[in-house]
Amino acid sequence: MGCGQTAVSTNPLPTIAPTLTQPTGTLPAPPTPIPATNTPAPATATLVPTQIPSTSTPLAPLTLAVPENWQPIVSEALAAANTDRTWQLVPSSEPADAQLSENGAGQLVWQEPIVLAVPFVTEWEDVPQADAEAILANGHELAVVLPWSALTPDWKPLRVDGRFPTDANYPFVNRLTLQTNSAAANELLPILQTALAPEPVVHLASVGDIMLDRGLGIVIQGGNLAYPFAKVADLLQNADITVGNMESALGTLGEPAAKSYPFRAPPVAAEALALGGFDVVSLANNHGMDYGPEALLQAIELLQAQGVTPIGAGTNFEAAHAPHITQINGLSLAFLAYVNVPIEARSAFDTAVWTATDTTPGLAWADPEVIAADVTAVRGQVDHVIVVLHSGYEYVEEPSPPQVAAAEAAIDAGAKLVIGHHAHILQGIDFYNGGVIVYGLGNFAFEIDGPPETAVLNVWLDAEGVRSLELIPAIIQEGGAPRLAESWEAAPILRQVYFLTRILNSR
């Protein structure tokens, strides 16, 4: 998986502007299409031989035929290699000791997926390969053909027979190859492969509220630790990093708080989360301290013992606001988590009393100014900051004012992605100020009276931020365990999220 070069052709293909019936204000401008070869910009100066500094007796000079648009970057790569060989770059039409070709025969130097992109809110997710080939050949009124590196998150790539562009068996890929009969020219391959190595890509999966008390707690206490996530585990385990929201206390300690629904999952819930594929879970929610500070600290220990990192809670303010920083595929990510929910109507319980202080354990409260300060503090240390936010009104599709303020503060401060939950239902996605706000992923593993519709969020990040995202619809079964949605169930789930997303992005 990965991206191509950042330098691109100055002669883009004609843009096929898609048309949606409603509302027109939600339709994003299409990404700038780039020619199928995604080659760097052509040289502006007369081509000259590339001289490489010699550290020993000079070797016989060789010629390398290069497509015009690739000449600047190949010349730069050879100059940086500092070998004893002198290479003269010549046009592709001339005979040479070695030949670089776009999508030709030879050894692979570089490749990048070609995607068939449609606006994110389009109810079109997958295309048969034969139909995709026809679109590539003849165009389409809705789909735009792009290299992966030109994709923007408000557009999505169509899967081809279920295959995503970053999958190893994805069928449409641009390549640059090296062909030579000269043994000496074989030294070019590692030089060029290193210079044109793809940018790092991280596949993140995320879900909404996980509550492993009630029926799910009974099952895992009985020894069936795989049960809560058994039917979705492949999705969660196959991502590079998987994030969720642990919507309960965890362990054996403490007494229930004076609130409507105190939850406490058994200690083995930490192992069930790890078995299901979770790497990071937020404890910053309105159930994280249902059994008091002792239970909160026990939950942190239990999760850490299973290799699951808790965020948004800790022994004091500093610990609750400490980012989790991780390196994945050469990309560094920082995760922060916060909660800001209304006072409970039935019990008048205020989750804000659990806010961590300088001297007491607790949760990170989603004050926009504090979020901005936290994001700003870590932003220079990592490639991207991701904020997990538990906020909103229960069973209300529209994001609440505090929810919006917190999410936008995170993006404005430099975060690239906000992942939200608390409403117990799916909410819309906002493509805001260069970032992505996923306002609500609903419940995920939760025995609760409420809509069973949910989804797994897939996000692909690279050096620029969020490159692409998709929702995989799921259904919460009776008893609380999720399963993947059937096609007839998936379509209305996506349709509703896309509708809400159009509304958010029509402002």
Protein backbone atom coordinates (compact mmCIF):
# COMPACT_ATOMS: atom_id res chain seq x y z
CA MET A 1 0.00 0.00 0.00
CA GLY A 2 1.08 3.58 -0.29
CA CYS A 3 1.24 6.76 -2.24
CA GLY A 4 3.24 7.92 -5.19
CA GLN A 5 5.40 10.98 -5.63
CA THR A 6 4.29 14.39 -4.49
CA ALA A 7 5.36 15.96 -7.78
CA VAL A 8 2.62 15.51 -10.35
CA SER A 9 1.92 16.28 -13.97
CA THR A 10 1.02 19.82 -14.91
CA ASN A 11 -1.42 18.55 -17.56
CA PRO A 12 -4.36 16.99 -15.68
CA LEU A 13 -7.07 15.00 -17.39
CA PRO A 14 -10.40 16.75 -17.90
CA THR A 15 -12.41 16.68 -14.68
CA ILE A 16 -15.71 14.84 -14.82
CA ALA A 17 -17.88 16.83 -12.46
CA PRO A 18 -20.41 14.52 -10.76
CA THR A 19 -24.02 15.54 -10.36
CA LEU A 20 -26.18 14.93 -7.30
CA THR A 21 -29.79 15.93 -7.00
CA GLN A 22 -29.78 17.22 -3.42
CA PRO A 23 -28.56 19.33 -1.84
CA THR A 24 -26.15 20.85 -4.34
CA GLY A 25 -24.27 22.68 -1.58
CA THR A 26 -22.95 19.38 -0.24
CA LEU A 27 -21.17 18.34 -3.42
CA PRO A 28 -17.40 18.71 -2.96
CA ALA A 29 -15.17 19.95 -5.72
CA PRO A 30 -13.61 16.88 -7.29
CA PRO A 31 -9.94 16.20 -6.56
CA THR A 32 -7.67 17.32 -9.38
CA PRO A 33 -7.31 14.30 -11.65
CA ILE A 34 -3.76 13.39 -12.57
CA PRO A 35 -2.67 11.49 -15.68
CA ALA A 36 -2.74 7.74 -15.30
CA THR A 37 1.02 7.53 -14.92
CA ASN A 38 1.10 10.06 -12.04
CA THR A 39 4.53 11.10 -13.24
CA PRO A 40 6.47 14.08 -11.92
CA ALA A 41 6.43 17.43 -13.66
CA PRO A 42 8.52 17.65 -16.86
CA ALA A 43 11.94 19.21 -16.74
CA THR A 44 12.16 22.90 -17.52
CA ALA A 45 15.87 22.88 -18.43
CA THR A 46 17.84 21.12 -21.16
CA LEU A 47 18.65 17.55 -20.20
CA VAL A 48 22.29 17.09 -19.18
CA PRO A 49 24.23 14.01 -18.05
CA THR A 50 24.06 13.26 -14.35
CA GLN A 51 27.51 13.15 -12.80
CA ILE A 52 27.78 11.18 -9.58
CA PRO A 53 30.74 11.95 -7.30
CA SER A 54 33.38 9.25 -7.38
CA THR A 55 35.00 7.76 -4.28
CA SER A 56 37.28 5.37 -6.22
CA THR A 57 38.32 4.57 -9.78
CA PRO A 58 35.48 5.76 -12.06
CA LEU A 59 33.44 3.03 -13.75
CA ALA A 60 32.48 3.09 -17.40
CA PRO A 61 29.59 5.53 -18.01
CA LEU A 62 26.18 4.09 -18.91
CA THR A 63 23.05 5.54 -20.45
CA LEU A 64 19.55 5.39 -18.99
CA ALA A 65 16.46 6.07 -21.10
CA VAL A 66 13.82 7.87 -19.04
CA PRO A 67 10.29 9.09 -19.85
CA GLU A 68 10.35 12.88 -20.05
CA ASN A 69 8.18 13.53 -17.01
CA TRP A 70 10.37 11.30 -14.83
CA GLN A 71 13.69 12.88 -15.78
CA PRO A 72 14.01 15.44 -12.93
CA ILE A 73 13.29 13.02 -10.10
CA VAL A 74 15.46 10.24 -11.58
CA SER A 75 18.33 12.68 -12.06
CA GLU A 76 17.99 13.80 -8.44
CA ALA A 77 17.87 10.20 -7.19
CA LEU A 78 21.05 9.27 -9.07
CA ALA A 79 22.89 12.34 -7.86
CA ALA A 80 21.96 11.59 -4.25
CA ALA A 81 23.10 7.96 -4.53
CA ASN A 82 26.81 8.91 -4.54
CA THR A 83 28.05 5.85 -6.45
CA ASP A 84 31.11 5.45 -8.69
CA ARG A 85 29.03 5.27 -11.84
CA THR A 86 28.34 8.10 -14.25
CA TRP A 87 24.88 7.94 -15.80
CA GLN A 88 23.72 9.87 -18.82
CA LEU A 89 19.97 10.31 -19.05
CA VAL A 90 18.55 10.12 -22.57
CA PRO A 91 15.00 10.29 -23.95
CA SER A 92 12.92 7.10 -24.03
CA SER A 93 13.15 6.97 -27.83
CA GLU A 94 16.94 6.52 -27.82
CA PRO A 95 18.83 3.22 -27.32
CA ALA A 96 20.35 2.89 -23.86
CA ASP A 97 21.98 0.48 -21.44
CA ALA A 98 18.87 0.57 -19.26
CA GLN A 99 15.28 1.64 -19.88
CA LEU A 100 12.65 3.02 -17.48
CA SER A 101 9.10 2.45 -18.73
CA GLU A 102 5.65 3.39 -17.57
CA ASN A 103 3.61 0.21 -17.15
CA GLY A 104 6.11 -1.74 -19.26
CA ALA A 105 8.03 -4.96 -18.81
CA GLY A 106 10.94 -5.27 -16.41
CA GLN A 107 11.66 -5.04 -12.69
CA LEU A 108 9.27 -3.02 -10.54
CA VAL A 109 10.63 0.34 -9.39
CA TRP A 110 7.46 2.16 -8.24
CA GLN A 111 3.72 1.67 -8.24
CA GLU A 112 0.54 3.45 -7.17
CA PRO A 113 -3.13 2.41 -7.23
CA ILE A 114 -5.53 4.02 -9.70
CA VAL A 115 -8.89 4.68 -8.05
CA LEU A 116 -12.40 5.20 -9.36
CA ALA A 117 -13.55 7.97 -7.00
CA VAL A 118 -17.07 9.20 -6.30
CA PRO A 119 -18.30 11.81 -3.77
CA PHE A 120 -18.30 10.29 -0.28
CA VAL A 121 -22.07 10.67 0.09
CA THR A 122 -22.77 8.67 -3.09
CA GLU A 123 -24.69 5.44 -2.51
CA TRP A 124 -22.20 3.41 -4.50
CA GLU A 125 -19.54 1.37 -2.73
CA ASP A 126 -18.37 -1.45 -5.02
CA VAL A 127 -18.06 -2.13 -8.74
CA PRO A 128 -17.40 -5.36 -10.67
CA GLN A 129 -14.00 -5.43 -12.31
CA ALA A 130 -15.45 -5.60 -15.82
CA ASP A 131 -17.51 -2.46 -15.18
CA ALA A 132 -14.49 -0.74 -13.65
CA GLU A 133 -12.46 -1.50 -16.77
CA ALA A 134 -15.22 0.03 -18.89
CA ILE A 135 -15.15 3.19 -16.73
CA LEU A 136 -11.39 3.43 -17.07
CA ALA A 137 -11.70 3.09 -20.84
CA ASN A 138 -14.76 5.24 -21.49
CA GLY A 139 -15.24 7.50 -18.48
CA HIS A 140 -18.37 7.91 -16.36
CA GLU A 141 -20.69 10.79 -15.48
CA LEU A 142 -20.10 10.30 -11.74
CA ALA A 143 -16.77 8.53 -11.22
CA VAL A 144 -13.41 10.29 -11.58
CA VAL A 145 -10.24 8.33 -12.30
CA LEU A 146 -7.42 9.38 -9.97
CA PRO A 147 -4.13 8.16 -8.59
CA TRP A 148 -4.40 7.26 -4.90
CA SER A 149 -2.23 10.26 -3.91
CA ALA A 150 -4.76 12.71 -5.42
CA LEU A 151 -7.71 11.36 -3.41
CA THR A 152 -9.34 13.59 -0.79
CA PRO A 153 -11.50 12.28 2.09
CA ASP A 154 -14.72 13.88 0.81
CA TRP A 155 -14.35 11.52 -2.17
CA LYS A 156 -14.12 7.76 -1.79
CA PRO A 157 -12.62 5.03 -3.94
CA LEU A 158 -14.98 2.34 -5.15
CA ARG A 159 -13.96 -1.13 -4.13
CA VAL A 160 -13.41 -3.39 -7.15
CA ASP A 161 -14.95 -6.80 -6.51
CA GLY A 162 -14.56 -6.00 -2.82
CA ARG A 163 -10.89 -5.04 -3.10
CA PHE A 164 -9.74 -1.70 -1.69
CA PRO A 165 -6.97 0.23 -3.52
CA THR A 166 -4.46 -0.51 -0.75
CA ASP A 167 -5.11 -4.27 -0.93
CA ALA A 168 -2.29 -6.31 -2.42
CA ASN A 169 -4.57 -7.86 -5.05
CA TYR A 170 -6.20 -4.60 -6.20
CA PRO A 171 -6.25 -4.80 -10.01
CA PHE A 172 -5.55 -1.23 -11.21
CA VAL A 173 -2.04 0.02 -10.54
CA ASN A 174 0.35 2.37 -12.34
CA ARG A 175 3.94 1.12 -12.47
CA LEU A 176 7.41 2.30 -13.36
CA THR A 177 9.70 -0.55 -14.40
CA LEU A 178 13.39 -0.99 -15.19
CA GLN A 179 14.54 -3.15 -18.07
CA THR A 180 18.22 -3.82 -18.85
CA ASN A 181 20.58 -6.44 -20.22
CA SER A 182 23.56 -4.87 -18.49
CA ALA A 183 24.71 -6.42 -15.22
CA ALA A 184 26.21 -3.07 -14.22
CA ALA A 185 22.85 -1.37 -14.70
CA ASN A 186 21.26 -3.62 -12.09
CA GLU A 187 22.68 -1.30 -9.43
CA LEU A 188 19.98 1.15 -10.51
CA LEU A 189 17.14 -0.91 -9.07
CA PRO A 190 17.77 -0.41 -5.32
CA ILE A 191 18.75 3.22 -5.89
CA LEU A 192 15.49 4.05 -7.66
CA GLN A 193 13.31 1.87 -5.42
CA THR A 194 14.64 3.72 -2.38
CA ALA A 195 14.21 7.15 -3.97
CA LEU A 196 10.65 6.40 -5.10
CA ALA A 197 9.56 4.43 -2.03
CA PRO A 198 5.87 4.95 -1.24
CA GLU A 199 4.85 7.24 1.58
CA PRO A 200 3.68 5.45 4.75
CA VAL A 201 -0.01 4.60 5.03
CA VAL A 202 -1.80 3.62 8.23
CA HIS A 203 -5.14 1.81 8.26
CA LEU A 204 -7.10 2.76 11.36
CA ALA A 205 -10.36 1.08 12.39
CA SER A 206 -12.68 2.59 14.98
CA VAL A 207 -16.04 1.82 16.56
CA GLY A 208 -18.45 3.43 18.98
CA ASP A 209 -19.58 2.44 22.49
CA ILE A 210 -18.46 -0.89 23.96
CA MET A 211 -20.25 -1.98 27.13
CA LEU A 212 -19.19 -5.41 28.43
CA ASP A 213 -21.51 -5.56 31.45
CA ARG A 214 -25.00 -7.13 31.38
CA GLY A 215 -25.36 -10.11 29.03
CA LEU A 216 -21.99 -9.72 27.35
CA GLY A 217 -20.33 -9.62 30.77
CA ILE A 218 -22.03 -12.86 31.79
CA VAL A 219 -20.81 -14.59 28.61
CA ILE A 220 -17.18 -13.54 28.96
CA GLN A 221 -17.16 -14.34 32.67
CA GLY A 222 -18.25 -17.82 31.61
CA GLY A 223 -15.08 -18.17 29.57
CA ASN A 224 -16.18 -17.25 26.04
CA LEU A 225 -13.89 -14.24 25.69
CA ALA A 226 -14.14 -14.12 21.89
CA TYR A 227 -17.94 -13.87 21.85
CA PRO A 228 -18.49 -10.06 21.90
CA PHE A 229 -16.47 -9.41 18.72
CA ALA A 230 -16.37 -12.85 17.08
CA LYS A 231 -18.36 -11.83 13.99
CA VAL A 232 -16.42 -8.61 13.34
CA ALA A 233 -12.97 -9.58 14.64
CA ASP A 234 -11.41 -9.87 11.18
CA LEU A 235 -12.19 -6.22 10.44
CA LEU A 236 -10.79 -5.06 13.76
CA GLN A 237 -7.71 -7.28 13.80
CA ASN A 238 -6.66 -6.57 10.20
CA ALA A 239 -6.31 -2.82 10.73
CA ASP A 240 -2.94 -1.39 11.73
CA ILE A 241 -4.54 0.14 14.83
CA THR A 242 -8.07 -0.24 16.24
CA VAL A 243 -9.78 2.24 18.55
CA GLY A 244 -12.95 2.00 20.64
CA ASN A 245 -14.79 3.57 23.57
CA MET A 246 -15.01 1.47 26.76
CA GLU A 247 -18.42 2.55 28.03
CA SER A 248 -18.20 1.18 31.57
CA ALA A 249 -16.04 0.74 34.62
CA LEU A 250 -13.88 -2.37 34.56
CA GLY A 251 -12.80 -4.68 37.37
CA THR A 252 -14.02 -5.61 40.85
CA LEU A 253 -13.46 -2.53 42.98
CA GLY A 254 -15.64 0.38 44.05
CA GLU A 255 -19.28 1.19 44.72
CA PRO A 256 -21.84 2.30 42.12
CA ALA A 257 -22.29 6.02 41.61
CA ALA A 258 -25.66 7.67 42.31
CA LYS A 259 -26.72 7.73 38.70
CA SER A 260 -29.25 6.03 36.46
CA TYR A 261 -27.17 3.27 34.88
CA PRO A 262 -23.86 2.41 36.54
CA PHE A 263 -21.97 -0.25 34.55
CA ARG A 264 -18.98 -2.40 35.54
CA ALA A 265 -17.52 -5.02 33.22
CA PRO A 266 -15.68 -8.02 34.72
CA PRO A 267 -11.86 -8.04 34.75
CA VAL A 268 -11.72 -10.46 31.79
CA ALA A 269 -13.26 -7.73 29.62
CA ALA A 270 -9.74 -6.34 29.14
CA GLU A 271 -8.66 -9.66 27.65
CA ALA A 272 -11.79 -9.79 25.48
CA LEU A 273 -10.95 -6.36 24.06
CA ALA A 274 -7.40 -7.44 23.24
CA LEU A 275 -8.65 -10.67 21.68
CA GLY A 276 -11.09 -8.67 19.55
CA GLY A 277 -8.27 -6.60 18.10
CA PHE A 278 -8.45 -3.35 20.09
CA ASP A 279 -5.24 -1.39 20.62
CA VAL A 280 -6.58 1.84 22.15
CA VAL A 281 -9.77 2.51 24.13
CA SER A 282 -11.12 5.75 25.54
CA LEU A 283 -12.25 5.83 29.16
CA ALA A 284 -13.37 9.46 28.85
CA ASN A 285 -17.12 8.92 28.92
CA ASN A 286 -20.09 9.13 31.26
CA HIS A 287 -19.52 5.58 32.57
CA GLY A 288 -15.76 5.56 33.01
CA MET A 289 -16.03 6.21 36.76
CA ASP A 290 -19.34 4.48 37.46
CA TYR A 291 -17.64 2.65 40.34
CA GLY A 292 -15.37 5.44 41.49
CA PRO A 293 -11.67 6.29 41.22
CA GLU A 294 -10.42 2.93 42.53
CA ALA A 295 -12.26 1.11 39.76
CA LEU A 296 -10.96 3.58 37.18
CA LEU A 297 -7.36 2.98 38.17
CA GLN A 298 -7.96 -0.78 38.24
CA ALA A 299 -9.39 -0.58 34.70
CA ILE A 300 -6.27 1.23 33.51
CA GLU A 301 -4.04 -1.49 35.00
CA LEU A 302 -6.13 -4.33 33.58
CA LEU A 303 -6.14 -2.82 30.08
CA GLN A 304 -2.43 -2.07 30.09
CA ALA A 305 -1.68 -5.63 31.20
CA GLN A 306 -3.41 -6.88 28.02
CA GLY A 307 -1.60 -4.44 25.71
CA VAL A 308 -4.65 -2.20 25.30
CA THR A 309 -3.86 1.49 25.87
CA PRO A 310 -6.45 3.53 27.80
CA ILE A 311 -6.72 7.24 26.99
CA GLY A 312 -8.66 10.17 28.43
CA ALA A 313 -8.37 9.12 32.08
CA GLY A 314 -5.69 8.85 34.74
CA THR A 315 -4.40 9.45 38.23
CA ASN A 316 -4.54 13.23 37.77
CA PHE A 317 -5.10 15.97 35.19
CA GLU A 318 -1.73 15.46 33.54
CA ALA A 319 -2.23 11.71 33.16
CA ALA A 320 -5.79 12.08 31.84
CA HIS A 321 -4.61 14.55 29.20
CA ALA A 322 -1.43 12.69 28.27
CA PRO A 323 -1.39 11.70 24.58
CA HIS A 324 -0.77 8.13 23.53
CA ILE A 325 1.95 8.35 20.88
CA THR A 326 2.66 5.43 18.59
CA GLN A 327 4.69 4.75 15.44
CA ILE A 328 3.03 2.68 12.71
CA ASN A 329 4.44 2.00 9.25
CA GLY A 330 6.77 4.97 9.61
CA LEU A 331 3.97 7.37 10.60
CA SER A 332 3.69 8.80 14.13
CA LEU A 333 0.21 9.30 15.63
CA ALA A 334 -0.96 10.88 18.90
CA PHE A 335 -4.32 9.98 20.46
CA LEU A 336 -6.23 12.15 22.95
CA ALA A 337 -9.71 11.54 24.43
CA TYR A 338 -12.33 13.75 26.10
CA VAL A 339 -15.89 13.73 27.42
CA ASN A 340 -18.56 16.44 27.58
CA VAL A 341 -22.12 15.21 28.06
CA PRO A 342 -25.25 16.83 29.53
CA ILE A 343 -26.43 16.33 33.10
CA GLU A 344 -28.55 13.17 33.39
CA ALA A 345 -32.23 14.02 33.30
CA ARG A 346 -33.44 11.23 35.63
CA SER A 347 -30.75 11.30 38.31
CA ALA A 348 -29.39 14.86 37.83
CA PHE A 349 -25.91 13.32 37.82
CA ASP A 350 -23.25 15.58 36.30
CA THR A 351 -20.35 13.72 34.65
CA ALA A 352 -18.26 16.87 34.98
CA VAL A 353 -17.67 16.03 38.66
CA TRP A 354 -15.38 13.25 37.42
CA THR A 355 -12.99 15.72 35.78
CA ALA A 356 -9.42 14.92 36.77
CA THR A 357 -7.61 17.56 38.81
CA ASP A 358 -3.97 18.12 39.68
CA THR A 359 -4.40 15.91 42.74
CA THR A 360 -7.33 13.56 42.03
CA PRO A 361 -7.99 10.80 39.46
CA GLY A 362 -10.57 11.34 36.78
CA LEU A 363 -11.41 12.02 33.17
CA ALA A 364 -10.37 14.61 30.58
CA TRP A 365 -13.26 17.06 30.21
CA ALA A 366 -13.83 18.38 26.67
CA ASP A 367 -13.22 22.08 27.23
CA PRO A 368 -12.45 23.51 23.76
CA GLU A 369 -9.62 25.68 25.06
CA VAL A 370 -8.01 22.75 26.87
CA ILE A 371 -8.39 20.52 23.81
CA ALA A 372 -6.74 23.16 21.65
CA ALA A 373 -3.87 23.46 24.11
CA ASP A 374 -3.38 19.68 24.30
CA VAL A 375 -3.41 19.29 20.51
CA THR A 376 -1.04 22.22 20.06
CA ALA A 377 1.37 20.80 22.64
CA VAL A 378 1.75 17.44 20.89
CA ARG A 379 1.22 18.45 17.27
CA GLY A 380 4.90 19.23 16.62
CA GLN A 381 6.00 15.84 17.98
CA VAL A 382 4.02 13.63 15.61
CA ASP A 383 2.74 13.42 12.07
CA HIS A 384 -0.94 13.50 13.08
CA VAL A 385 -3.15 14.04 16.12
CA ILE A 386 -6.39 12.06 16.50
CA VAL A 387 -9.01 13.07 19.06
CA VAL A 388 -11.65 10.71 20.48
CA LEU A 389 -14.70 12.61 21.72
CA HIS A 390 -17.62 11.37 23.83
CA SER A 391 -20.26 14.06 23.48
CA GLY A 392 -23.67 15.00 22.13
CA TYR A 393 -27.32 14.40 22.95
CA GLU A 394 -28.54 10.82 23.30
CA TYR A 395 -30.65 9.63 20.34
CA VAL A 396 -30.35 13.00 18.59
CA GLU A 397 -28.80 12.96 15.12
CA GLU A 398 -27.71 16.59 15.11
CA PRO A 399 -24.43 17.26 16.93
CA SER A 400 -24.87 19.31 20.09
CA PRO A 401 -23.26 22.77 20.41
CA PRO A 402 -20.66 21.54 22.97
CA GLN A 403 -19.93 18.57 20.70
CA VAL A 404 -19.35 20.84 17.71
CA ALA A 405 -17.26 23.30 19.70
CA ALA A 406 -14.97 20.57 21.04
CA ALA A 407 -14.56 18.83 17.68
CA GLU A 408 -13.87 22.02 15.75
CA ALA A 409 -11.42 23.20 18.40
CA ALA A 410 -9.45 19.99 17.91
CA ILE A 411 -9.29 20.39 14.13
CA ASP A 412 -8.58 24.12 14.30
CA ALA A 413 -5.63 23.36 16.60
CA GLY A 414 -4.17 20.89 14.11
CA ALA A 415 -5.82 17.50 14.69
CA LYS A 416 -6.61 15.65 11.47
CA LEU A 417 -9.38 13.36 12.73
CA VAL A 418 -12.05 13.44 15.45
CA ILE A 419 -13.88 10.19 16.25
CA GLY A 420 -17.11 10.66 18.21
CA HIS A 421 -19.76 8.70 20.11
CA HIS A 422 -22.33 8.96 22.95
CA ALA A 423 -25.59 9.54 21.07
CA HIS A 424 -26.22 5.76 20.81
CA ILE A 425 -27.01 6.30 17.12
CA LEU A 426 -24.96 7.03 14.02
CA GLN A 427 -24.39 10.69 13.19
CA GLY A 428 -22.96 12.53 10.18
CA ILE A 429 -19.40 13.27 9.08
CA ASP A 430 -18.08 16.80 8.63
CA PHE A 431 -15.16 17.58 6.30
CA TYR A 432 -14.03 20.59 8.27
CA ASN A 433 -11.02 22.90 7.85
CA GLY A 434 -8.71 20.29 6.36
CA GLY A 435 -9.73 17.59 8.84
CA VAL A 436 -12.48 15.02 9.31
CA ILE A 437 -15.03 14.98 12.15
CA VAL A 438 -16.94 11.70 12.51
CA TYR A 439 -19.53 12.92 14.98
CA GLY A 440 -21.08 9.66 16.09
CA LEU A 441 -20.41 5.94 15.60
CA GLY A 442 -23.29 4.90 17.85
CA ASN A 443 -23.20 1.74 19.94
CA PHE A 444 -21.08 -1.22 18.93
CA ALA A 445 -21.05 -3.99 21.51
CA PHE A 446 -23.85 -3.02 23.85
CA GLU A 447 -26.94 -4.74 25.27
CA ILE A 448 -29.30 -1.79 25.24
CA ASP A 449 -32.77 -0.84 24.07
CA GLY A 450 -32.10 1.23 20.99
CA PRO A 451 -31.48 1.07 17.26
CA PRO A 452 -29.28 -1.90 16.28
CA GLU A 453 -27.62 -0.11 13.36
CA THR A 454 -23.93 0.62 13.73
CA ALA A 455 -20.72 0.62 11.67
CA VAL A 456 -16.98 0.09 11.69
CA LEU A 457 -15.11 3.18 10.54
CA ASN A 458 -12.08 2.52 8.33
CA VAL A 459 -9.63 5.41 7.89
CA TRP A 460 -6.47 5.50 5.81
CA LEU A 461 -3.92 8.12 6.86
CA ASP A 462 -0.71 9.14 5.15
CA ALA A 463 1.74 12.01 5.49
CA GLU A 464 -0.91 14.51 4.35
CA GLY A 465 -3.60 13.40 6.82
CA VAL A 466 -6.80 11.47 6.12
CA ARG A 467 -6.52 10.11 2.61
CA SER A 468 -9.71 8.04 2.58
CA LEU A 469 -12.45 6.69 4.83
CA GLU A 470 -15.36 4.29 4.63
CA LEU A 471 -18.10 2.88 6.84
CA ILE A 472 -18.71 -0.87 7.08
CA PRO A 473 -22.32 -1.27 8.30
CA ALA A 474 -23.04 -3.66 11.16
CA ILE A 475 -25.99 -4.79 13.28
CA ILE A 476 -26.03 -5.21 17.06
CA GLN A 477 -27.67 -8.55 17.76
CA GLU A 478 -29.94 -9.35 20.66
CA GLY A 479 -27.59 -9.71 23.61
CA GLY A 480 -25.29 -6.95 22.41
CA ALA A 481 -22.73 -8.58 20.09
CA PRO A 482 -22.29 -6.95 16.65
CA ARG A 483 -22.25 -8.70 13.27
CA LEU A 484 -21.68 -7.41 9.77
CA ALA A 485 -24.83 -6.16 8.06
CA GLU A 486 -26.39 -8.02 5.16
CA SER A 487 -26.59 -6.02 1.93
CA TRP A 488 -30.27 -5.21 2.44
CA GLU A 489 -29.46 -3.93 5.96
CA ALA A 490 -26.32 -2.04 4.95
CA ALA A 491 -27.88 0.18 2.29
CA PRO A 492 -30.26 2.11 4.61
CA ILE A 493 -27.52 2.48 7.24
CA LEU A 494 -25.20 4.16 4.75
CA ARG A 495 -28.05 6.16 3.22
CA GLN A 496 -28.85 7.71 6.60
CA VAL A 497 -25.23 8.59 7.40
CA TYR A 498 -24.78 10.10 3.93
CA PHE A 499 -27.96 12.15 4.38
CA LEU A 500 -26.69 13.53 7.69
CA THR A 501 -23.29 14.16 6.15
CA ARG A 502 -24.84 16.20 3.32
CA ILE A 503 -26.60 18.37 5.88
CA LEU A 504 -23.41 19.00 7.84
CA ASN A 505 -21.45 19.91 4.73
CA SER A 506 -24.10 22.16 3.18
CA ARG A 507 -23.34 24.98 5.62
